[in-house]
Protein backbone atom coordinates (compact mmCIF):
# COMPACT_ATOMS: atom_id res chain seq x y z
CA MET A 1 46.41 7.89 35.71
CA LEU A 2 43.21 9.01 34.02
CA ARG A 3 43.63 11.46 31.17
CA VAL A 4 40.89 14.08 30.96
CA GLU A 5 39.79 14.86 27.41
CA PRO A 6 38.73 18.42 26.66
CA VAL A 7 34.99 18.81 26.20
CA THR A 8 34.26 19.88 22.65
CA GLY A 9 30.47 19.54 22.84
CA LYS A 10 30.44 17.56 19.59
CA GLN A 11 29.78 13.81 19.64
CA LYS A 12 31.21 11.57 16.94
CA TRP A 13 28.46 10.35 14.60
CA TYR A 14 29.18 6.66 15.10
CA ARG A 15 28.68 7.05 18.86
CA SER A 16 25.29 8.68 18.55
CA ASP A 17 22.16 6.92 19.71
CA SER A 18 20.77 6.75 16.17
CA ALA A 19 23.95 5.18 14.77
CA LYS A 20 23.92 2.52 17.48
CA SER A 21 20.27 1.75 16.79
CA VAL A 22 21.03 1.23 13.10
CA LEU A 23 24.11 -0.85 13.89
CA SER A 24 22.22 -3.08 16.32
CA ALA A 25 19.52 -3.68 13.69
CA ILE A 26 22.14 -4.53 11.05
CA ILE A 27 23.85 -6.97 13.43
CA SER A 28 20.50 -8.68 14.10
CA ILE A 29 19.82 -8.97 10.36
CA LEU A 30 23.30 -10.30 9.59
CA ILE A 31 23.06 -12.95 12.30
CA GLY A 32 19.65 -13.98 10.97
CA MET A 33 20.97 -14.21 7.40
CA ALA A 34 24.00 -16.18 8.56
CA VAL A 35 21.84 -18.69 10.44
CA GLY A 36 19.56 -18.90 7.39
CA THR A 37 22.54 -19.67 5.20
CA LEU A 38 23.56 -22.44 7.59
CA ILE A 39 20.04 -23.91 7.42
CA ILE A 40 20.17 -23.90 3.61
CA ILE A 41 23.46 -25.78 3.72
CA ILE A 42 22.18 -28.35 6.23
CA VAL A 43 18.95 -28.94 4.30
CA GLY A 44 20.89 -29.25 1.04
CA LEU A 45 23.29 -31.80 2.49
CA THR A 46 20.53 -33.91 4.02
CA LYS A 47 17.98 -33.82 1.19
CA ASP A 48 18.28 -35.99 -1.89
CA GLY A 49 18.30 -34.17 -5.18
CA ILE A 50 20.14 -31.04 -3.98
CA SER A 51 23.75 -30.81 -5.12
CA MET A 52 26.45 -28.43 -3.97
CA LYS A 53 25.53 -26.27 -6.94
CA GLY A 54 21.91 -26.27 -5.75
CA ILE A 55 23.04 -25.22 -2.26
CA TRP A 56 25.00 -22.32 -3.70
CA GLU A 57 22.01 -21.29 -5.81
CA GLY A 58 19.78 -21.36 -2.72
CA ILE A 59 22.17 -19.08 -0.83
CA ARG A 60 22.37 -16.65 -3.74
CA LEU A 61 18.59 -16.48 -4.06
CA VAL A 62 18.11 -15.73 -0.36
CA PHE A 63 20.40 -12.72 -0.65
CA LEU A 64 19.65 -11.66 -4.23
CA GLY A 65 16.30 -13.28 -5.01
CA VAL A 66 14.63 -9.94 -5.73
CA PHE A 67 17.11 -9.44 -8.61
CA SER A 68 16.65 -12.94 -10.04
CA THR A 69 15.64 -13.03 -13.71
CA GLY A 70 15.18 -16.80 -13.92
CA ARG A 71 17.48 -19.28 -15.60
CA ASP A 72 19.56 -18.66 -18.69
CA GLY A 73 20.69 -21.94 -20.23
CA GLY A 74 20.20 -23.74 -16.93
CA ALA A 75 22.21 -21.24 -14.86
CA LEU A 76 20.65 -18.64 -12.58
CA SER A 77 20.73 -15.13 -13.99
CA PHE A 78 20.46 -11.84 -12.11
CA GLY A 79 19.69 -8.30 -13.12
CA TYR A 80 17.00 -5.65 -12.99
CA ASN A 81 13.69 -7.44 -12.48
CA PRO A 82 10.88 -4.87 -12.45
CA VAL A 83 8.24 -7.46 -11.54
CA ASN A 84 10.11 -8.70 -8.45
CA LEU A 85 11.05 -5.20 -7.33
CA GLY A 86 7.54 -3.86 -7.84
CA ASN A 87 5.97 -6.81 -6.03
CA MET A 88 8.44 -6.26 -3.20
CA LEU A 89 7.22 -2.68 -2.72
CA PHE A 90 3.60 -3.79 -3.04
CA ARG A 91 4.03 -6.41 -0.29
CA ALA A 92 6.00 -3.94 1.81
CA THR A 93 3.12 -1.43 1.96
CA PRO A 94 1.01 -3.17 4.64
CA LEU A 95 4.17 -4.08 6.57
CA VAL A 96 5.27 -0.45 6.63
CA MET A 97 1.86 0.62 7.91
CA THR A 98 1.57 -2.02 10.65
CA GLY A 99 5.20 -1.40 11.59
CA LEU A 100 4.41 2.30 11.80
CA SER A 101 1.40 1.48 13.97
CA VAL A 102 3.53 -0.45 16.44
CA ALA A 103 6.35 2.14 16.35
CA VAL A 104 4.08 5.08 17.18
CA ALA A 105 2.59 3.18 20.11
CA PHE A 106 6.07 2.21 21.34
CA LYS A 107 7.17 5.84 21.17
CA THR A 108 4.33 6.72 23.53
CA GLY A 109 5.07 3.88 25.96
CA LEU A 110 2.39 1.48 24.70
CA PHE A 111 2.64 -1.98 23.11
CA ASN A 112 0.09 -2.23 20.33
CA ILE A 113 -0.19 -5.97 19.77
CA GLY A 114 -3.69 -5.38 18.43
CA ALA A 115 -2.58 -4.33 14.93
CA ALA A 116 -3.97 -7.59 13.52
CA GLY A 117 -7.49 -6.81 14.73
CA GLN A 118 -7.22 -3.19 13.61
CA TYR A 119 -6.02 -4.44 10.21
CA LEU A 120 -9.13 -6.61 9.93
CA MET A 121 -11.42 -3.74 10.87
CA GLY A 122 -9.76 -1.63 8.20
CA THR A 123 -10.37 -4.45 5.73
CA MET A 124 -14.07 -4.56 6.60
CA GLY A 125 -14.54 -0.80 6.39
CA THR A 126 -12.65 -0.40 3.13
CA LEU A 127 -14.26 -3.30 1.27
CA THR A 128 -17.77 -2.47 2.50
CA VAL A 129 -17.66 1.22 1.59
CA GLY A 130 -15.65 0.67 -1.59
CA LEU A 131 -18.00 -1.99 -2.97
CA THR A 132 -21.14 -0.11 -1.90
CA LEU A 133 -20.13 3.22 -3.45
CA GLY A 134 -18.56 1.53 -6.46
CA ASN A 135 -21.85 -0.16 -7.31
CA THR A 136 -23.80 3.10 -7.06
CA GLY A 137 -21.80 4.85 -9.78
CA CYS A 138 -20.08 7.20 -7.35
CA PRO A 139 -17.02 9.00 -8.84
CA VAL A 140 -13.97 6.79 -8.44
CA PHE A 141 -11.86 9.29 -6.49
CA ILE A 142 -14.63 9.97 -3.96
CA ALA A 143 -15.34 6.25 -3.57
CA TRP A 144 -11.61 5.53 -3.11
CA LEU A 145 -11.15 8.30 -0.54
CA ALA A 146 -14.30 7.29 1.37
CA ALA A 147 -13.21 3.63 1.44
CA PHE A 148 -9.71 4.56 2.64
CA LEU A 149 -10.99 6.89 5.37
CA ALA A 150 -13.67 4.40 6.45
CA GLY A 151 -11.02 1.75 6.99
CA MET A 152 -8.85 4.13 9.01
CA LEU A 153 -11.84 5.28 11.07
CA LEU A 154 -12.81 1.73 12.04
CA GLY A 155 -9.19 0.97 12.90
CA ALA A 156 -8.98 4.09 15.07
CA LEU A 157 -12.18 3.19 16.92
CA TRP A 158 -10.93 -0.36 17.45
CA GLY A 159 -7.60 0.97 18.74
CA ALA A 160 -9.44 3.28 21.14
CA ILE A 161 -10.85 0.30 23.07
CA PRO A 162 -7.55 -0.85 24.66
CA GLY A 163 -6.60 2.82 25.00
CA ILE A 164 -9.70 3.55 27.10
CA PHE A 165 -9.14 0.50 29.30
CA LYS A 166 -5.51 1.53 29.80
CA ALA A 167 -6.27 5.18 30.51
CA TYR A 168 -9.16 4.79 32.93
CA LEU A 169 -8.76 1.31 34.43
CA ASN A 170 -4.98 0.84 34.00
CA ILE A 171 -5.57 -2.55 32.34
CA ASN A 172 -2.52 -3.70 30.41
CA GLU A 173 -3.03 -2.92 26.73
CA VAL A 174 -1.45 -6.22 25.65
CA ILE A 175 -4.24 -8.23 27.26
CA THR A 176 -6.97 -6.01 25.86
CA CYS A 177 -5.42 -6.03 22.39
CA ILE A 178 -5.31 -9.84 22.30
CA MET A 179 -8.98 -9.96 23.19
CA THR A 180 -9.94 -7.33 20.61
CA ASN A 181 -7.95 -9.18 17.92
CA TRP A 182 -10.17 -12.25 18.14
CA ILE A 183 -13.33 -10.23 18.57
CA ALA A 184 -12.44 -8.40 15.34
CA ALA A 185 -11.78 -11.69 13.55
CA ASN A 186 -15.18 -13.08 14.43
CA LEU A 187 -16.94 -9.75 13.85
CA VAL A 188 -15.49 -9.42 10.34
CA THR A 189 -16.34 -13.06 9.61
CA TRP A 190 -19.93 -12.55 10.71
CA TRP A 191 -20.25 -9.30 8.73
CA PHE A 192 -19.24 -10.79 5.40
CA ASP A 193 -21.00 -14.08 6.07
CA ALA A 194 -24.27 -12.25 6.76
CA HIS A 195 -24.12 -10.09 3.63
CA GLU A 196 -24.22 -12.18 0.47
CA ILE A 197 -23.98 -9.03 -1.64
CA PHE A 198 -20.25 -8.74 -0.89
CA LYS A 199 -19.35 -12.37 -1.78
CA ASN A 200 -17.65 -13.17 -5.05
CA SER A 201 -20.29 -15.71 -6.08
CA ALA A 202 -20.10 -14.58 -9.70
CA GLU A 203 -16.83 -16.47 -10.11
CA GLY A 204 -17.19 -20.23 -9.67
CA GLY A 205 -15.55 -21.68 -6.57
CA LYS A 206 -14.99 -18.31 -4.92
CA VAL A 207 -18.04 -18.09 -2.69
CA GLY A 208 -15.76 -17.74 0.32
CA TYR A 209 -14.12 -14.64 -1.14
CA ILE A 210 -15.15 -11.02 -1.25
CA ILE A 211 -15.54 -9.25 -4.59
CA PRO A 212 -12.23 -7.53 -5.46
CA LEU A 213 -12.44 -3.76 -5.73
CA LYS A 214 -11.16 -3.83 -9.29
CA ASN A 215 -14.60 -5.19 -10.28
CA VAL A 216 -16.14 -1.83 -9.36
CA GLY A 217 -13.17 0.27 -10.50
CA VAL A 218 -12.24 1.57 -7.03
CA VAL A 219 -8.46 1.11 -7.16
CA THR A 220 -5.37 3.05 -6.15
CA PRO A 221 -3.72 4.94 -9.05
CA LYS A 222 -0.32 3.64 -10.16
CA MET A 223 1.38 7.03 -9.60
CA GLY A 224 4.27 6.12 -11.89
CA MET A 225 4.79 2.60 -10.54
CA ASN A 226 3.66 1.10 -13.85
CA ILE A 227 6.52 2.97 -15.57
CA LEU A 228 9.16 2.07 -12.97
CA PHE A 229 8.03 -1.52 -12.46
CA PRO A 230 5.97 -2.65 -15.49
CA GLY A 231 4.08 -5.90 -15.05
CA SER A 232 4.19 -5.81 -11.24
CA GLN A 233 1.48 -5.26 -8.62
CA ALA A 234 3.07 -2.02 -7.40
CA ASN A 235 0.88 1.06 -7.18
CA GLY A 236 0.74 4.44 -5.48
CA GLY A 237 -0.10 2.84 -2.14
CA PHE A 238 3.61 2.58 -1.37
CA TRP A 239 4.08 6.34 -1.86
CA ILE A 240 1.10 7.00 0.41
CA ALA A 241 2.66 4.76 3.09
CA CYS A 242 5.94 6.69 2.81
CA ILE A 243 4.11 10.03 3.15
CA LEU A 244 2.28 8.80 6.25
CA ALA A 245 5.58 7.58 7.76
CA VAL A 246 7.22 10.99 7.23
CA ALA A 247 4.10 12.70 8.63
CA MET A 248 4.29 10.56 11.78
CA PHE A 249 7.99 11.41 12.18
CA ILE A 250 7.25 15.13 11.93
CA MET A 251 4.28 14.82 14.30
CA LEU A 252 6.30 12.97 16.96
CA THR A 253 9.47 15.07 16.78
CA ARG A 254 8.39 18.52 15.65
CA THR A 255 5.01 19.23 17.26
CA THR A 256 3.73 19.97 20.74
CA PHE A 257 1.23 17.15 20.43
CA GLY A 258 4.01 14.69 19.61
CA TYR A 259 6.03 15.90 22.57
CA GLU A 260 3.05 15.33 24.87
CA LEU A 261 2.60 11.80 23.53
CA ARG A 262 6.26 10.97 24.11
CA ALA A 263 6.19 12.58 27.54
CA CYS A 264 3.30 10.33 28.55
CA GLY A 265 5.27 7.37 27.24
CA SER A 266 8.34 8.28 29.26
CA ASN A 267 6.50 8.87 32.53
CA ARG A 268 2.74 9.14 32.63
CA HIS A 269 2.62 10.51 36.16
CA ALA A 270 5.31 13.15 35.56
CA ALA A 271 3.50 14.23 32.39
CA ARG A 272 0.27 14.64 34.35
CA TYR A 273 2.11 16.69 36.99
CA ALA A 274 3.38 18.95 34.17
CA GLY A 275 -0.22 19.61 33.10
CA ILE A 276 -0.47 17.10 30.23
CA ASN A 277 -3.74 15.19 29.93
CA ASP A 278 -2.32 11.67 30.11
CA LYS A 279 -5.64 9.84 29.71
CA ARG A 280 -6.51 11.70 26.53
CA ASN A 281 -3.06 11.16 25.06
CA ILE A 282 -3.06 7.42 25.79
CA ILE A 283 -6.39 7.03 24.00
CA LEU A 284 -5.29 9.22 21.08
CA SER A 285 -2.04 7.29 20.75
CA MET A 286 -3.89 3.98 20.43
CA MET A 287 -6.37 5.55 18.02
CA ILE A 288 -3.56 6.78 15.78
CA SER A 289 -1.90 3.36 15.94
CA GLY A 290 -5.18 1.66 15.07
CA ALA A 291 -5.78 4.00 12.14
CA LEU A 292 -2.29 3.32 10.76
CA ALA A 293 -2.68 -0.46 10.98
CA ALA A 294 -6.07 -0.23 9.29
CA ALA A 295 -4.56 1.98 6.58
CA GLY A 296 -2.24 -0.93 5.74
CA ALA A 297 -5.26 -3.12 5.02
CA SER A 298 -6.98 -0.32 3.10
CA LEU A 299 -4.01 0.22 0.80
CA TYR A 300 -3.59 -3.53 0.29
CA TYR A 301 -7.18 -4.17 -0.78
CA LEU A 302 -7.55 -0.89 -2.67
CA ALA A 303 -4.85 -2.20 -4.98
CA GLY A 304 -7.78 -3.95 -6.65
CA ASN A 305 -5.92 -7.13 -7.54
CA THR A 306 -6.20 -8.62 -4.05
CA GLU A 307 -9.01 -10.79 -2.71
CA PHE A 308 -10.18 -11.19 0.87
CA PHE A 309 -11.19 -14.57 2.25
CA TRP A 310 -13.97 -13.78 4.71
CA SER A 311 -13.54 -16.84 6.99
CA THR A 312 -10.94 -15.08 9.10
CA TYR A 313 -11.72 -16.74 12.43
CA GLN A 314 -9.28 -19.54 11.61
CA SER A 315 -6.27 -17.22 11.87
CA LEU A 316 -5.27 -13.58 12.25
CA PRO A 317 -3.50 -11.67 9.44
CA ALA A 318 0.25 -12.08 9.71
CA GLU A 319 0.82 -8.44 8.75
CA GLY A 320 -0.43 -7.33 12.16
CA PHE A 321 2.25 -9.30 13.99
CA ASN A 322 5.02 -8.81 11.42
CA GLY A 323 4.74 -5.11 12.13
CA ILE A 324 6.34 -5.73 15.54
CA PRO A 325 9.80 -6.81 14.25
CA VAL A 326 9.56 -4.17 11.52
CA ALA A 327 9.20 -1.52 14.24
CA LEU A 328 11.86 -3.05 16.50
CA LEU A 329 14.45 -3.30 13.72
CA ALA A 330 13.78 0.35 12.89
CA ALA A 331 14.27 1.29 16.57
CA ASN A 332 10.70 2.67 16.40
CA ASN A 333 11.77 5.38 13.98
CA PRO A 334 8.83 6.10 11.65
CA VAL A 335 11.11 6.75 8.67
CA GLY A 336 13.26 3.70 9.45
CA VAL A 337 10.12 1.57 9.31
CA ILE A 338 10.00 2.14 5.53
CA PHE A 339 13.37 0.44 5.06
CA THR A 340 12.80 -2.44 7.46
CA GLY A 341 9.38 -3.08 5.92
CA VAL A 342 10.94 -3.26 2.46
CA PHE A 343 13.64 -5.61 3.78
CA MET A 344 11.06 -8.02 5.22
CA SER A 345 9.18 -7.91 1.94
CA MET A 346 12.40 -8.61 0.06
CA LEU A 347 12.81 -11.85 2.01
CA ASN A 348 9.25 -12.85 1.09
CA VAL A 349 9.99 -12.35 -2.61
CA ALA A 350 13.23 -14.30 -2.20
CA GLY A 351 11.21 -17.18 -0.74
CA THR A 352 8.99 -17.24 -3.82
CA GLN A 353 12.04 -17.34 -6.09
CA LEU A 354 13.59 -20.07 -3.97
CA LYS A 355 10.53 -22.25 -4.46
CA SER A 356 10.16 -21.69 -8.20
CA LEU A 357 13.82 -21.94 -9.21
CA THR A 358 15.32 -24.56 -6.85
CA ALA A 359 14.43 -27.77 -5.03
CA TYR A 360 14.02 -25.80 -1.82
CA ASN A 361 10.64 -24.54 -0.60
CA GLU A 362 9.65 -21.03 0.41
CA TYR A 363 9.59 -21.94 4.09
CA ILE A 364 13.35 -21.45 4.23
CA SER A 365 12.79 -17.71 3.88
CA ASP A 366 10.06 -17.92 6.53
CA ILE A 367 12.59 -19.49 8.90
CA ILE A 368 15.06 -16.69 8.19
CA ILE A 369 12.35 -14.09 8.83
CA ALA A 370 11.42 -15.88 12.07
CA ILE A 371 15.05 -15.81 13.22
CA ILE A 372 15.35 -12.11 12.43
CA VAL A 373 12.04 -11.51 14.22
CA TYR A 374 13.43 -13.32 17.26
CA LEU A 375 16.71 -11.40 17.12
CA SER A 376 14.91 -8.09 16.69
CA ALA A 377 13.81 -8.43 20.30
CA PHE A 378 17.52 -8.48 21.20
CA SER A 379 18.39 -5.39 19.15
CA MET A 380 17.98 -3.28 22.30
CA LEU A 381 20.34 -5.65 24.14
CA ILE A 382 22.90 -5.32 21.35
CA LYS A 383 22.53 -1.54 21.59
CA GLN A 384 23.14 -1.69 25.35
CA MET A 385 26.27 -3.76 24.71
CA LEU A 386 27.51 -1.12 22.28
CA ASN A 387 26.81 1.59 24.87
CA GLY A 388 28.66 -0.40 27.51
CA ARG A 389 31.62 -0.81 25.17
CA ASP A 390 31.80 2.96 24.62
CA LYS A 391 31.59 3.63 28.36
CA LYS A 392 34.38 1.13 29.01
CA LYS A 393 36.54 2.83 26.41
CA GLY A 394 35.80 6.23 27.94
CA GLY A 395 36.72 4.95 31.42
CA ASN A 396 40.09 3.65 30.21
CA LYS A 397 41.15 7.01 28.85
């Protein structure tokens, strides 16, 4: 006999949709880390020169590499490492922004696989404006702001292209984004190749690189990062990324405009029937996504200590594609993207420590990231399994 529970109107927190999203992401990460650990063991057992102690050190560095302080008397030591932690946040900044770009598009029913191209357009706009204004003696703050906004503007315009094709011709945005990615790569390559003034020819052997913005003084302020993480690359760009993530969360969940975007994502035709301009919102959604991806590039190169290799046609920036698993692991929550972006960056730092302190190479961490990326696509499946488990329990009552 079925027992009917009284309706209290209050759902237990661990059965909420948000809790299941977080749990599914954690399960995906744990499986990825477990498989990575297994790979470390297998490689250690099959490669000469790696002992059981070396295997154990490799495992520890994968999980705790960001806290590694080197070797003390031959043994690995761990503790507060401001350089590793600061570099982790610095590397996380573009990942947070591209993850945010993908998440916002997902929330509105679109798949922005064009973040790589938008990232490149942001790079071109930021470096061009920053170097031009920096050489004219323009005040640093104005030059920085103009460079940042120029990058975002170019990214928004580049994101509008697949949005227009989707809105008016119903062409799948994935196809258009792939095309615009490679167009952007070749366009940026041509732009910097055609303008010798931007090339770092002053430093020998760097003719293929663009002058870093630190040479003209247009850099992002540290905003306290130099006190928290002395000696690292961290700067205020991470705080700006966090502010933008919170702003996107508020926009999507607390404003009429955000509601219209999500309504179009849920059902474009129903939204139109309700009086929402679906075409406009599709284009605006892709423009916002493009601006966010470009902002990732802007913040990365405005750090000043980064250099851009102009011959981009050989490959697309990995940050554009790594934003996809960052968004998926965060269940497309703009605030959650901050944490998943930092986690992915943590694995990158661990890979660097693995290479410098053991006989392993950094590609082990790349394999772990690849596994987690693959499993992130199954996070929704894991969430469905958790939902099915709760329904089964409810039916047995």
